[in-house]
């Protein structure tokens, strides 16, 4: 099974992470991808000097 999770709200990242963990617990062969945009991308931005 292949699943793409899409998150565009910062507050939903934790929920998506739990959904991915639950999926991988039930299907160890699952392939997952996480697409992040809009305000949720803030978690991946490096701080500026």
Foldseek 3Di string as FASTA:
>chain_A
DEEEAEDEDLVCPVVVVVVVVVVCVVPVPYHYHYHYDHPNCVVVDDDDD
